[in-house]
Amino acid sequence: MLLLYRYIIFISVLTTIIYFLYYLLNAYYLMKHSPETVSTKKADTADVTILVPVYNEKLDVFERVVKGIRAQSTKFVVVGDSSNEPYRSIVEQNGGVFIHLKERRGKRLVISEGMKYVDTKFVLFVDSDTTLPPYTVFRMLEHFKENVGGVGANVSIRRTETGASYSAEFLERTREVILKAMTARGGSVMVIDGKCAMYRTDLVKPLLLSEKFRDYKVAGKVAIMGDDQQMTAHIIKEGYKATKCFDVTVETEPPENFKQFTKQSIRWARSSYYYFFKNLFDGTALKAGGFYTFEAISTFALPILTLGLGLFRFYYTMDIIGTFAGNSLDTITDLLSNPSILLTNRALVHPFLTLISLPGPIIFGSTVVMTVRKERLRTLAYGGLALLIIFFTSIYGLLTCWKQSAWMTR
């Protein structure tokens, strides 16, 4: 029993050190991050087709999105997933092409159908609730050096009076820290967010038109989720880099409430864990580089390790209460004279592990705070609730990651 106990202590200390490095490296590379040198070739927006899937989007939101797209001066195609009027009229009045699918097909099949109308060098996928600022296409194009296959935009959540919008914004700023750290070293990101993602057409069109994309199955069921993760992994496998354009920030709609935020988090967790394991075992992660692999493992292992270590510390909490209630001074004196006592005195384990695990999250949290651009206190307050929800939905998502067949709804 004592040997098992010592093994657990060793694993706990090792894990704490690894995550200290994880937090420290993300903070360090965020500070080192600077805008990438862009392609010397002049960007031409005529080389881009914007493709938008739409399903029952709020009309005011959709009109705002279409106006932002029209301002990019590019060809754009909107595919109505069983949705027709008034979306068709809005699109055609703004100079776009509207394709109507009579039956609901889901996002995968919708963008696959839309790709049949793309004949430009690049394709930009934009969600029907994501508004593009001026010059989005031009700035994203500038990041397409010869070794880049896909570029994503930075994402911000439109703040409303609901706490869920602030929680969602906090998570986006957390992702920004991690993704900036990954790109600071010239590497690929884990996923190019499908809210606004540009790819080389010749790279992704064969994939999107193929049956392995249209009829993608997990556990024998057709999968609707994870199209952006599959495309990101595809271009990495093809030897290209997947990166982000942080000098463009698009704005997307928030979840309406915490119930929707939780459901959305579960869907993302399921999809992320599935593709994490897939990319790890099929070699995609290693092909993207060592730091990519380290970030992916650290990010997806964190909730599981936190749960395990939390249960371990809770188990020994009663020892702490009993020991320090009677002889805390003697215990501290013994520890100073013989540090190895940690391996045998269980009462000291919990405070020791807590103490050495604090610096990493504090450093990382400080970097996240730096990325919050407005209403900082409110965003951080709801961010704490967001982290709690994400922790439990990550665990649930891991246990149910084989359930990939639910419709993708916002």
Protein backbone atom coordinates (compact mmCIF):
# COMPACT_ATOMS: atom_id res chain seq x y z
CA MET A 1 0.00 0.00 0.00
CA LEU A 2 2.83 2.39 0.84
CA LEU A 3 4.49 1.61 -2.51
CA LEU A 4 1.26 2.43 -4.36
CA TYR A 5 0.96 5.62 -2.35
CA ARG A 6 4.48 6.68 -3.33
CA TYR A 7 3.75 5.96 -6.99
CA ILE A 8 0.69 8.19 -6.79
CA ILE A 9 2.73 10.97 -5.18
CA PHE A 10 5.36 10.65 -7.92
CA ILE A 11 2.75 10.81 -10.69
CA SER A 12 1.09 13.80 -9.03
CA VAL A 13 4.35 15.74 -8.78
CA LEU A 14 5.35 14.80 -12.34
CA THR A 15 1.95 15.87 -13.67
CA THR A 16 2.18 19.16 -11.81
CA ILE A 17 5.58 19.84 -13.35
CA ILE A 18 4.33 18.99 -16.85
CA TYR A 19 1.38 21.31 -16.53
CA PHE A 20 3.55 24.05 -15.09
CA LEU A 21 5.62 23.78 -18.28
CA TYR A 22 2.42 23.72 -20.36
CA TYR A 23 1.12 26.92 -18.78
CA LEU A 24 4.53 28.57 -18.80
CA LEU A 25 5.25 27.76 -22.45
CA ASN A 26 1.85 29.03 -23.58
CA ALA A 27 2.38 32.27 -21.69
CA TYR A 28 5.94 32.62 -22.96
CA TYR A 29 5.10 32.02 -26.61
CA LEU A 30 2.11 34.34 -26.36
CA MET A 31 4.49 37.11 -25.28
CA LYS A 32 6.86 36.15 -28.12
CA HIS A 33 4.06 36.03 -30.68
CA SER A 34 4.23 38.63 -33.39
CA PRO A 35 2.30 38.94 -36.67
CA GLU A 36 3.65 36.47 -39.20
CA THR A 37 5.50 37.73 -42.23
CA VAL A 38 2.94 37.63 -44.99
CA SER A 39 3.27 36.40 -48.51
CA THR A 40 5.10 38.76 -50.83
CA LYS A 41 2.64 37.92 -53.60
CA LYS A 42 -0.11 40.54 -53.92
CA ALA A 43 -3.42 39.20 -52.61
CA ASP A 44 -6.31 39.18 -55.08
CA THR A 45 -9.78 38.84 -53.57
CA ALA A 46 -11.06 37.63 -56.95
CA ASP A 47 -9.27 34.37 -56.15
CA VAL A 48 -11.73 33.61 -53.34
CA THR A 49 -15.26 32.23 -53.13
CA ILE A 50 -17.06 32.58 -49.80
CA LEU A 51 -19.28 29.61 -48.97
CA VAL A 52 -22.01 29.94 -46.33
CA PRO A 53 -24.34 27.18 -45.10
CA VAL A 54 -27.58 28.46 -43.57
CA TYR A 55 -30.32 26.76 -41.59
CA ASN A 56 -33.10 28.84 -40.01
CA GLU A 57 -30.73 31.63 -38.99
CA LYS A 58 -32.21 34.74 -37.37
CA LEU A 59 -32.96 37.16 -40.19
CA ASP A 60 -31.35 40.23 -38.60
CA VAL A 61 -28.19 38.24 -37.93
CA PHE A 62 -28.14 36.77 -41.44
CA GLU A 63 -28.63 40.16 -43.09
CA ARG A 64 -25.71 41.56 -41.09
CA VAL A 65 -23.55 38.60 -42.10
CA VAL A 66 -24.40 38.95 -45.81
CA LYS A 67 -23.65 42.68 -45.78
CA GLY A 68 -20.24 41.94 -44.25
CA ILE A 69 -19.59 39.35 -46.96
CA ARG A 70 -20.69 41.67 -49.76
CA ALA A 71 -18.15 44.25 -48.57
CA GLN A 72 -15.32 41.77 -49.24
CA SER A 73 -15.77 42.15 -53.03
CA THR A 74 -15.68 38.42 -53.70
CA LYS A 75 -17.96 35.84 -55.20
CA PHE A 76 -20.14 34.21 -52.54
CA VAL A 77 -22.44 31.21 -52.47
CA VAL A 78 -25.05 30.49 -49.80
CA VAL A 79 -26.51 27.00 -49.48
CA GLY A 80 -29.91 26.82 -47.76
CA ASP A 81 -30.15 23.63 -45.73
CA SER A 82 -33.93 23.21 -46.26
CA SER A 83 -34.14 27.01 -45.75
CA ASN A 84 -35.30 29.08 -48.72
CA GLU A 85 -37.08 32.42 -48.46
CA PRO A 86 -36.38 35.08 -47.31
CA TYR A 87 -32.74 33.94 -47.29
CA ARG A 88 -32.67 33.61 -51.07
CA SER A 89 -33.88 37.16 -51.60
CA ILE A 90 -31.36 38.59 -49.12
CA VAL A 91 -28.50 36.77 -50.85
CA GLU A 92 -29.50 37.61 -54.41
CA GLN A 93 -30.18 41.26 -53.58
CA ASN A 94 -26.59 41.47 -52.34
CA GLY A 95 -25.10 39.86 -55.43
CA GLY A 96 -24.66 36.31 -54.16
CA VAL A 97 -25.66 32.89 -55.49
CA PHE A 98 -28.25 30.94 -53.50
CA ILE A 99 -28.57 27.14 -53.64
CA HIS A 100 -31.61 25.53 -52.05
CA LEU A 101 -31.56 21.97 -50.70
CA LYS A 102 -35.15 20.90 -50.14
CA GLU A 103 -34.43 18.42 -47.36
CA ARG A 104 -32.26 19.12 -44.35
CA ARG A 105 -28.88 17.49 -44.91
CA GLY A 106 -26.58 18.76 -42.14
CA LYS A 107 -23.49 20.95 -42.42
CA ARG A 108 -21.20 18.31 -43.95
CA LEU A 109 -23.41 17.61 -46.93
CA VAL A 110 -24.32 21.26 -47.32
CA ILE A 111 -20.74 22.47 -47.70
CA SER A 112 -20.02 19.45 -49.90
CA GLU A 113 -22.82 20.52 -52.23
CA GLY A 114 -21.63 24.11 -52.10
CA MET A 115 -18.11 23.12 -53.15
CA LYS A 116 -19.51 22.10 -56.55
CA TYR A 117 -19.96 25.82 -57.24
CA VAL A 118 -16.43 26.83 -56.18
CA ASP A 119 -13.94 27.26 -59.01
CA THR A 120 -11.57 29.82 -57.48
CA LYS A 121 -8.11 29.22 -56.04
CA PHE A 122 -9.31 29.64 -52.45
CA VAL A 123 -12.53 28.96 -50.59
CA LEU A 124 -13.59 30.74 -47.39
CA PHE A 125 -16.13 28.94 -45.19
CA VAL A 126 -18.20 31.32 -43.06
CA ASP A 127 -20.96 30.36 -40.62
CA SER A 128 -24.32 32.05 -41.09
CA ASP A 129 -23.96 33.84 -37.73
CA THR A 130 -20.39 35.13 -38.23
CA THR A 131 -19.84 38.74 -39.27
CA LEU A 132 -16.70 39.68 -41.21
CA PRO A 133 -15.01 43.04 -40.68
CA PRO A 134 -13.68 44.98 -43.70
CA TYR A 135 -10.64 43.52 -45.48
CA THR A 136 -11.04 40.08 -43.87
CA VAL A 137 -10.48 38.20 -47.13
CA PHE A 138 -7.53 40.37 -48.15
CA ARG A 139 -5.73 39.95 -44.81
CA MET A 140 -6.32 36.21 -44.64
CA LEU A 141 -5.02 35.79 -48.18
CA GLU A 142 -1.77 37.48 -47.19
CA HIS A 143 -1.00 34.56 -44.85
CA PHE A 144 -0.98 32.01 -47.66
CA LYS A 145 2.71 31.35 -48.10
CA GLU A 146 3.64 28.32 -50.17
CA ASN A 147 3.62 25.93 -47.19
CA VAL A 148 0.24 27.11 -45.81
CA GLY A 149 -2.87 25.14 -46.70
CA GLY A 150 -5.43 26.77 -44.44
CA VAL A 151 -5.90 29.97 -42.44
CA GLY A 152 -8.43 30.72 -39.74
CA ALA A 153 -9.53 34.08 -38.35
CA ASN A 154 -9.52 35.08 -34.70
CA VAL A 155 -13.00 34.76 -33.18
CA SER A 156 -14.87 37.02 -30.78
CA ILE A 157 -18.31 36.44 -29.25
CA ARG A 158 -20.87 39.22 -29.42
CA ARG A 159 -21.66 40.22 -25.86
CA THR A 160 -25.31 40.33 -24.88
CA GLU A 161 -27.02 40.61 -21.50
CA THR A 162 -26.74 36.86 -20.95
CA GLY A 163 -23.91 35.47 -18.85
CA ALA A 164 -23.44 32.70 -21.41
CA SER A 165 -22.12 35.24 -23.94
CA TYR A 166 -19.38 36.32 -21.53
CA SER A 167 -18.51 32.71 -20.73
CA ALA A 168 -18.19 31.93 -24.44
CA GLU A 169 -15.99 34.99 -24.96
CA PHE A 170 -13.71 33.94 -22.11
CA LEU A 171 -13.21 30.53 -23.71
CA GLU A 172 -12.36 32.14 -27.05
CA ARG A 173 -9.69 34.24 -25.35
CA THR A 174 -8.30 31.10 -23.71
CA ARG A 175 -8.12 29.44 -27.12
CA GLU A 176 -6.42 32.55 -28.50
CA VAL A 177 -3.58 32.17 -25.98
CA ILE A 178 -3.07 28.50 -26.86
CA LEU A 179 -3.28 28.99 -30.63
CA LYS A 180 -0.96 32.00 -30.59
CA ALA A 181 1.56 29.91 -28.68
CA MET A 182 1.32 27.19 -31.33
CA THR A 183 1.76 29.60 -34.25
CA ALA A 184 4.53 31.60 -32.55
CA ARG A 185 6.93 28.77 -33.31
CA GLY A 186 5.76 28.54 -36.92
CA GLY A 187 3.69 25.43 -36.27
CA SER A 188 0.15 24.34 -37.03
CA VAL A 189 -2.92 24.83 -34.86
CA MET A 190 -5.04 21.90 -33.69
CA VAL A 191 -8.11 23.11 -35.58
CA ILE A 192 -9.04 25.95 -37.91
CA ASP A 193 -12.38 27.08 -36.54
CA GLY A 194 -15.11 26.56 -39.13
CA LYS A 195 -16.74 29.89 -38.22
CA CYS A 196 -14.29 31.55 -40.60
CA ALA A 197 -11.77 29.32 -42.34
CA MET A 198 -9.98 29.73 -45.68
CA TYR A 199 -8.37 26.86 -47.58
CA ARG A 200 -6.66 26.15 -50.85
CA THR A 201 -9.49 24.83 -53.01
CA ASP A 202 -7.39 22.16 -54.70
CA LEU A 203 -6.51 20.72 -51.29
CA VAL A 204 -9.96 20.45 -49.75
CA LYS A 205 -12.33 20.13 -52.72
CA PRO A 206 -11.47 16.47 -53.47
CA LEU A 207 -11.95 15.68 -49.78
CA LEU A 208 -15.29 17.49 -49.46
CA LEU A 209 -16.70 15.85 -52.57
CA SER A 210 -15.59 12.38 -51.50
CA GLU A 211 -17.78 9.78 -49.84
CA LYS A 212 -15.41 9.55 -46.88
CA PHE A 213 -16.39 13.13 -46.04
CA ARG A 214 -20.04 13.10 -47.08
CA ASP A 215 -20.70 9.70 -45.51
CA TYR A 216 -18.22 9.88 -42.63
CA LYS A 217 -19.08 7.33 -39.96
CA VAL A 218 -18.21 6.90 -36.30
CA ALA A 219 -19.21 3.70 -34.53
CA GLY A 220 -21.22 2.73 -37.59
CA LYS A 221 -23.30 5.92 -37.64
CA VAL A 222 -23.03 8.84 -40.05
CA ALA A 223 -21.14 11.66 -38.32
CA ILE A 224 -22.33 15.23 -38.77
CA MET A 225 -19.78 16.87 -36.47
CA GLY A 226 -16.11 17.70 -36.78
CA ASP A 227 -15.92 18.86 -40.40
CA ASP A 228 -13.48 21.65 -39.50
CA GLN A 229 -11.25 19.25 -37.57
CA GLN A 230 -11.26 16.76 -40.43
CA MET A 231 -10.26 19.45 -42.94
CA THR A 232 -7.50 20.74 -40.66
CA ALA A 233 -6.08 17.24 -40.21
CA HIS A 234 -6.33 16.65 -43.96
CA ILE A 235 -4.14 19.60 -44.96
CA ILE A 236 -1.57 18.69 -42.30
CA LYS A 237 -1.41 15.15 -43.67
CA GLU A 238 -0.88 16.64 -47.13
CA GLY A 239 2.23 18.41 -45.82
CA TYR A 240 0.79 21.90 -45.41
CA LYS A 241 0.50 24.12 -42.36
CA ALA A 242 -2.76 25.12 -40.68
CA THR A 243 -2.42 28.55 -39.15
CA LYS A 244 -4.36 31.57 -37.84
CA CYS A 245 -4.64 35.19 -38.93
CA PHE A 246 -4.83 37.06 -35.63
CA ASP A 247 -4.99 40.50 -37.23
CA VAL A 248 -8.58 39.70 -38.28
CA THR A 249 -11.23 39.17 -35.61
CA VAL A 250 -14.67 38.05 -36.74
CA GLU A 251 -17.70 38.30 -34.49
CA THR A 252 -20.10 35.43 -33.99
CA GLU A 253 -23.37 35.05 -32.11
CA PRO A 254 -23.33 33.74 -28.52
CA PRO A 255 -25.31 30.83 -27.08
CA GLU A 256 -28.67 32.12 -25.85
CA ASN A 257 -28.31 30.70 -22.33
CA PHE A 258 -26.20 28.35 -20.24
CA LYS A 259 -28.28 25.33 -21.26
CA GLN A 260 -27.35 25.93 -24.88
CA PHE A 261 -23.77 26.72 -23.87
CA THR A 262 -23.55 23.36 -22.07
CA LYS A 263 -25.01 21.40 -25.01
CA GLN A 264 -22.62 23.18 -27.37
CA SER A 265 -19.69 22.35 -25.09
CA ILE A 266 -20.65 18.67 -25.04
CA ARG A 267 -20.79 18.53 -28.86
CA TRP A 268 -17.40 20.21 -29.15
CA ALA A 269 -15.88 17.97 -26.47
CA ARG A 270 -17.09 14.80 -28.20
CA SER A 271 -15.76 15.90 -31.56
CA SER A 272 -12.46 17.19 -30.15
CA TYR A 273 -11.69 14.01 -28.21
CA TYR A 274 -12.57 11.80 -31.15
CA TYR A 275 -10.24 13.66 -33.50
CA PHE A 276 -7.57 14.00 -30.81
CA PHE A 277 -7.28 10.22 -30.51
CA LYS A 278 -7.59 9.75 -34.26
CA ASN A 279 -4.87 12.29 -35.07
CA LEU A 280 -2.62 10.93 -32.35
CA PHE A 281 -2.78 7.34 -33.57
CA ASP A 282 -2.76 7.93 -37.33
CA GLY A 283 0.38 10.09 -37.15
CA THR A 284 -1.19 13.47 -37.97
CA ALA A 285 -0.13 14.96 -34.63
CA LEU A 286 3.48 13.87 -35.02
CA LYS A 287 3.57 15.17 -38.57
CA ALA A 288 2.53 18.59 -37.28
CA GLY A 289 5.51 18.70 -34.92
CA GLY A 290 6.55 18.01 -31.35
CA PHE A 291 5.08 21.16 -29.83
CA TYR A 292 1.75 20.48 -31.58
CA THR A 293 1.71 16.98 -30.06
CA PHE A 294 2.64 18.30 -26.60
CA GLU A 295 -0.10 20.95 -26.74
CA ALA A 296 -2.72 18.47 -27.94
CA ILE A 297 -1.93 15.87 -25.28
CA SER A 298 -1.74 18.48 -22.53
CA THR A 299 -4.99 20.18 -23.54
CA PHE A 300 -7.07 17.02 -23.75
CA ALA A 301 -5.47 15.17 -20.85
CA LEU A 302 -5.85 18.06 -18.40
CA PRO A 303 -9.51 17.48 -17.39
CA ILE A 304 -8.92 13.76 -16.85
CA LEU A 305 -5.79 14.24 -14.78
CA THR A 306 -7.42 17.04 -12.81
CA LEU A 307 -10.33 14.75 -11.94
CA GLY A 308 -8.05 11.89 -10.90
CA LEU A 309 -5.77 14.05 -8.78
CA GLY A 310 -8.75 15.83 -7.28
CA LEU A 311 -10.24 12.54 -6.10
CA PHE A 312 -6.85 11.53 -4.75
CA ARG A 313 -6.49 14.74 -2.74
CA PHE A 314 -10.04 14.52 -1.44
CA TYR A 315 -9.36 11.00 -0.18
CA TYR A 316 -6.53 12.22 2.02
CA THR A 317 -8.18 15.43 3.23
CA MET A 318 -9.31 13.79 6.48
CA ASP A 319 -5.70 12.95 7.31
CA ILE A 320 -4.81 16.62 6.92
CA ILE A 321 -7.54 17.73 9.30
CA GLY A 322 -6.60 15.15 11.93
CA THR A 323 -2.85 15.72 11.83
CA PHE A 324 -2.71 19.51 11.73
CA ALA A 325 -5.38 19.85 14.41
CA GLY A 326 -3.08 18.34 17.02
CA ASN A 327 0.56 18.70 16.04
CA SER A 328 0.94 21.09 13.11
CA LEU A 329 4.07 22.73 14.55
CA ASP A 330 5.82 19.40 15.02
CA THR A 331 4.83 18.33 11.51
CA ILE A 332 6.25 21.46 9.92
CA THR A 333 9.46 21.14 11.94
CA ASP A 334 9.87 17.53 10.82
CA LEU A 335 9.32 18.51 7.19
CA LEU A 336 12.01 21.21 7.32
CA SER A 337 14.53 18.80 8.78
CA ASN A 338 13.60 15.89 6.50
CA PRO A 339 11.81 16.76 3.18
CA SER A 340 11.45 13.07 2.30
CA ILE A 341 8.78 12.86 4.96
CA LEU A 342 6.35 13.84 2.20
CA LEU A 343 6.52 10.26 0.98
CA THR A 344 5.23 8.88 4.27
CA ASN A 345 3.21 11.69 5.90
CA ARG A 346 -0.04 11.90 4.00
CA ALA A 347 -1.15 15.00 5.88
CA LEU A 348 1.44 17.08 4.01
CA VAL A 349 0.69 15.86 0.51
CA HIS A 350 -2.40 17.94 -0.20
CA PRO A 351 -1.00 21.37 0.78
CA PHE A 352 2.33 20.56 -0.90
CA LEU A 353 0.74 19.61 -4.22
CA THR A 354 -1.58 22.60 -4.04
CA LEU A 355 1.35 24.93 -3.41
CA ILE A 356 3.47 23.71 -6.32
CA SER A 357 0.51 23.62 -8.72
CA LEU A 358 -0.50 27.27 -8.23
CA PRO A 359 2.18 29.17 -10.22
CA GLY A 360 1.30 27.62 -13.60
CA PRO A 361 -2.42 28.51 -13.63
CA ILE A 362 -1.65 31.97 -12.25
CA ILE A 363 0.79 32.67 -15.07
CA PHE A 364 -1.55 31.27 -17.72
CA GLY A 365 -4.56 33.08 -16.26
CA SER A 366 -2.68 36.37 -16.38
CA THR A 367 -2.02 35.91 -20.09
CA VAL A 368 -5.71 35.18 -20.72
CA VAL A 369 -6.63 38.37 -18.85
CA MET A 370 -4.37 40.30 -21.23
CA THR A 371 -6.39 39.09 -24.23
CA VAL A 372 -9.77 40.24 -22.84
CA ARG A 373 -10.31 43.51 -24.64
CA LYS A 374 -13.42 44.94 -22.98
CA GLU A 375 -15.70 44.41 -19.97
CA ARG A 376 -12.83 42.51 -18.40
CA LEU A 377 -14.20 41.97 -14.88
CA ARG A 378 -17.55 40.64 -16.05
CA THR A 379 -15.91 38.39 -18.64
CA LEU A 380 -13.53 36.95 -16.04
CA ALA A 381 -16.32 36.41 -13.52
CA TYR A 382 -18.37 34.38 -15.99
CA GLY A 383 -15.16 32.77 -17.20
CA GLY A 384 -14.85 30.94 -13.89
CA LEU A 385 -18.29 29.42 -14.43
CA ALA A 386 -17.34 28.57 -18.00
CA LEU A 387 -14.27 26.64 -16.84
CA LEU A 388 -16.41 24.64 -14.41
CA ILE A 389 -18.89 23.74 -17.16
CA ILE A 390 -16.09 22.89 -19.60
CA PHE A 391 -14.45 20.64 -17.01
CA PHE A 392 -17.53 18.45 -16.55
CA THR A 393 -18.58 18.51 -20.20
CA SER A 394 -15.04 17.47 -21.18
CA ILE A 395 -15.28 14.41 -18.95
CA TYR A 396 -18.73 13.58 -20.31
CA GLY A 397 -17.59 14.26 -23.87
CA LEU A 398 -14.66 11.88 -23.46
CA LEU A 399 -16.90 9.09 -22.21
CA THR A 400 -19.37 9.62 -25.07
CA CYS A 401 -17.04 10.74 -27.88
CA TRP A 402 -18.33 7.91 -30.08
CA LYS A 403 -21.69 9.74 -30.26
CA GLN A 404 -21.03 11.91 -33.31
CA SER A 405 -24.32 11.65 -35.17
CA ALA A 406 -26.34 14.50 -33.62
CA TRP A 407 -27.26 17.39 -35.90
CA MET A 408 -24.96 20.39 -35.69
CA THR A 409 -27.12 23.17 -34.31
CA ARG A 410 -25.93 26.38 -32.80
